[in-house]
């Protein structure tokens, strides 16, 4: 599977008291806590796996943001793409290894049981054609 391109969240890993770890759609997550708008915000996230070796996590510019707001954010180091319509929330390095495995920097650092943790995790295709990335299952846009 070629991973380059744009992806959005299909489902998110969650710990259920009765069923253990399960994947829920963003609608199912939102229904668990109607006062929490996190799932609604995540519906607009796009993960752009670029050929230059980065995964950009992006979100739409908030409604009502003026050109001045955007310029001020740029002056403070925020990155925008697609004619300033999307904010880059994160930039994650990725690489394809000689054996064809695609890995990305998970950001995890430190030790487990005295052993250093490898921060590089694997991008994997699920049985149903989704992309496993961190706690998300992504579908191509």
Protein backbone atom coordinates (compact mmCIF):
# COMPACT_ATOMS: atom_id res chain seq x y z
CA UNK A 1 0.00 0.00 0.00
CA UNK A 2 1.25 3.47 -0.85
CA UNK A 3 0.68 5.63 2.21
CA UNK A 4 1.38 9.04 0.67
CA UNK A 5 -1.65 11.29 0.38
CA UNK A 6 -4.42 12.64 2.57
CA UNK A 7 -6.15 10.64 5.28
CA UNK A 8 -8.85 11.34 7.87
CA UNK A 9 -9.84 9.62 11.09
CA UNK A 10 -12.14 6.64 10.64
CA UNK A 11 -11.98 5.42 14.24
CA UNK A 12 -10.11 5.95 17.48
CA UNK A 13 -8.80 3.47 20.06
CA UNK A 14 -10.55 3.63 23.42
CA UNK A 15 -10.49 1.54 26.57
CA UNK A 16 -13.95 0.19 27.36
CA UNK A 17 -14.49 -1.14 30.89
CA UNK A 18 -16.30 -4.23 29.63
CA UNK A 19 -14.76 -4.94 26.22
CA UNK A 20 -11.16 -3.79 26.71
CA UNK A 21 -9.50 -1.82 23.90
CA UNK A 22 -11.89 -1.14 21.04
CA UNK A 23 -12.06 1.20 18.04
CA UNK A 24 -14.96 3.63 17.96
CA UNK A 25 -16.05 5.97 15.19
CA UNK A 26 -15.92 9.67 15.99
CA UNK A 27 -19.74 9.69 16.16
CA UNK A 28 -19.64 6.90 18.74
CA UNK A 29 -17.00 8.79 20.74
CA UNK A 30 -19.06 11.98 20.63
CA UNK A 31 -22.13 10.10 21.89
CA UNK A 32 -20.20 8.96 24.99
CA UNK A 33 -19.76 12.56 26.16
CA UNK A 34 -21.97 15.10 24.38
CA UNK A 35 -20.33 17.99 26.30
CA UNK A 36 -16.87 17.17 24.91
CA UNK A 37 -16.33 18.60 21.41
CA UNK A 38 -13.00 16.82 20.81
CA UNK A 39 -14.52 14.19 18.49
CA UNK A 40 -16.25 16.91 16.46
CA UNK A 41 -12.92 18.73 16.04
CA UNK A 42 -11.14 15.53 15.04
CA UNK A 43 -13.62 15.02 12.18
CA UNK A 44 -11.90 17.93 10.43
CA UNK A 45 -8.33 16.69 10.95
CA UNK A 46 -6.43 15.67 7.85
CA UNK A 47 -3.20 13.67 8.04
CA UNK A 48 -1.18 14.52 4.93
CA UNK A 49 1.58 11.97 4.35
CA UNK A 50 3.95 13.89 2.13
CA UNK A 51 6.69 12.51 -0.13
CA UNK A 52 9.27 14.77 1.60
CA UNK A 53 9.23 12.52 4.67
CA UNK A 54 6.72 14.29 6.91
CA UNK A 55 3.18 13.59 8.07
CA UNK A 56 1.34 16.88 8.51
CA UNK A 57 -1.56 16.88 10.94
CA UNK A 58 -3.85 19.72 9.86
CA UNK A 59 -7.09 21.36 10.90
CA UNK A 60 -9.22 24.02 9.21
CA UNK A 61 -8.61 27.62 10.18
CA UNK A 62 -11.34 28.53 12.68
CA UNK A 63 -14.39 30.29 11.29
CA UNK A 64 -14.16 34.02 11.72
CA UNK A 65 -10.34 34.13 11.71
CA UNK A 66 -9.26 37.25 9.86
CA UNK A 67 -6.24 37.70 7.61
CA UNK A 68 -4.71 39.70 10.47
CA UNK A 69 -5.26 36.76 12.84
CA UNK A 70 -3.56 34.41 10.40
CA UNK A 71 -0.62 36.78 9.84
CA UNK A 72 -0.23 37.17 13.61
CA UNK A 73 -0.22 33.41 14.05
CA UNK A 74 2.39 33.06 11.30
CA UNK A 75 4.54 35.68 13.04
CA UNK A 76 4.34 33.49 16.17
CA UNK A 77 5.53 30.41 14.28
CA UNK A 78 2.27 28.76 13.21
CA UNK A 79 2.36 27.10 9.80
CA UNK A 80 -0.53 27.27 7.33
CA UNK A 81 -1.08 25.41 4.06
CA UNK A 82 -3.60 25.29 1.21
CA UNK A 83 -3.84 29.06 0.75
CA UNK A 84 -4.00 29.65 4.51
CA UNK A 85 -7.15 27.55 4.92
CA UNK A 86 -5.52 24.86 7.11
CA UNK A 87 -3.31 25.06 10.21
CA UNK A 88 -0.47 22.59 10.62
CA UNK A 89 -0.90 21.18 14.12
CA UNK A 90 2.00 18.77 13.87
CA UNK A 91 4.85 17.68 11.59
CA UNK A 92 5.96 14.08 12.12
CA UNK A 93 8.99 12.54 10.33
CA UNK A 94 8.48 9.26 8.49
CA UNK A 95 10.71 7.02 6.37
CA UNK A 96 10.50 3.89 4.26
CA UNK A 97 13.07 1.30 5.16
CA UNK A 98 14.86 -1.04 2.77
CA UNK A 99 12.40 -3.87 3.47
CA UNK A 100 9.46 -1.63 2.52
CA UNK A 101 8.33 -1.02 6.11
CA UNK A 102 7.14 2.54 6.68
CA UNK A 103 7.99 3.96 10.11
CA UNK A 104 7.28 7.27 11.80
CA UNK A 105 8.59 9.07 14.87
CA UNK A 106 5.92 8.41 17.52
CA UNK A 107 7.35 11.03 19.86
CA UNK A 108 7.66 8.45 22.64
CA UNK A 109 10.93 8.80 24.53
CA UNK A 110 12.40 7.26 27.65
CA UNK A 111 12.73 3.78 29.05
CA UNK A 112 10.57 0.77 29.81
CA UNK A 113 11.88 -1.64 32.45
CA UNK A 114 15.31 -0.03 32.13
CA UNK A 115 15.50 -0.46 28.35
CA UNK A 116 15.40 2.51 25.96
CA UNK A 117 12.17 2.86 23.99
CA UNK A 118 12.41 2.92 20.18
CA UNK A 119 10.49 6.08 19.22
CA UNK A 120 9.95 4.80 15.66
CA UNK A 121 6.62 3.02 15.16
CA UNK A 122 5.29 1.27 12.05
CA UNK A 123 2.51 2.49 9.76
CA UNK A 124 0.39 -0.53 8.98
CA UNK A 125 -2.55 -1.33 6.76
CA UNK A 126 -5.43 -3.00 8.61
CA UNK A 127 -7.37 -5.96 7.20
CA UNK A 128 -10.13 -3.60 6.07
CA UNK A 129 -7.78 -1.26 4.17
CA UNK A 130 -7.42 1.45 6.81
CA UNK A 131 -4.12 2.90 7.99
CA UNK A 132 -3.09 2.32 11.61
CA UNK A 133 -1.42 5.50 12.92
CA UNK A 134 -0.93 5.99 16.66
CA UNK A 135 -4.36 5.48 18.28
CA UNK A 136 -6.23 6.16 15.04
CA UNK A 137 -7.40 4.16 12.09
CA UNK A 138 -7.35 6.43 9.06
CA UNK A 139 -9.21 6.29 5.77
CA UNK A 140 -8.01 7.89 2.55
CA UNK A 141 -9.67 11.20 1.70
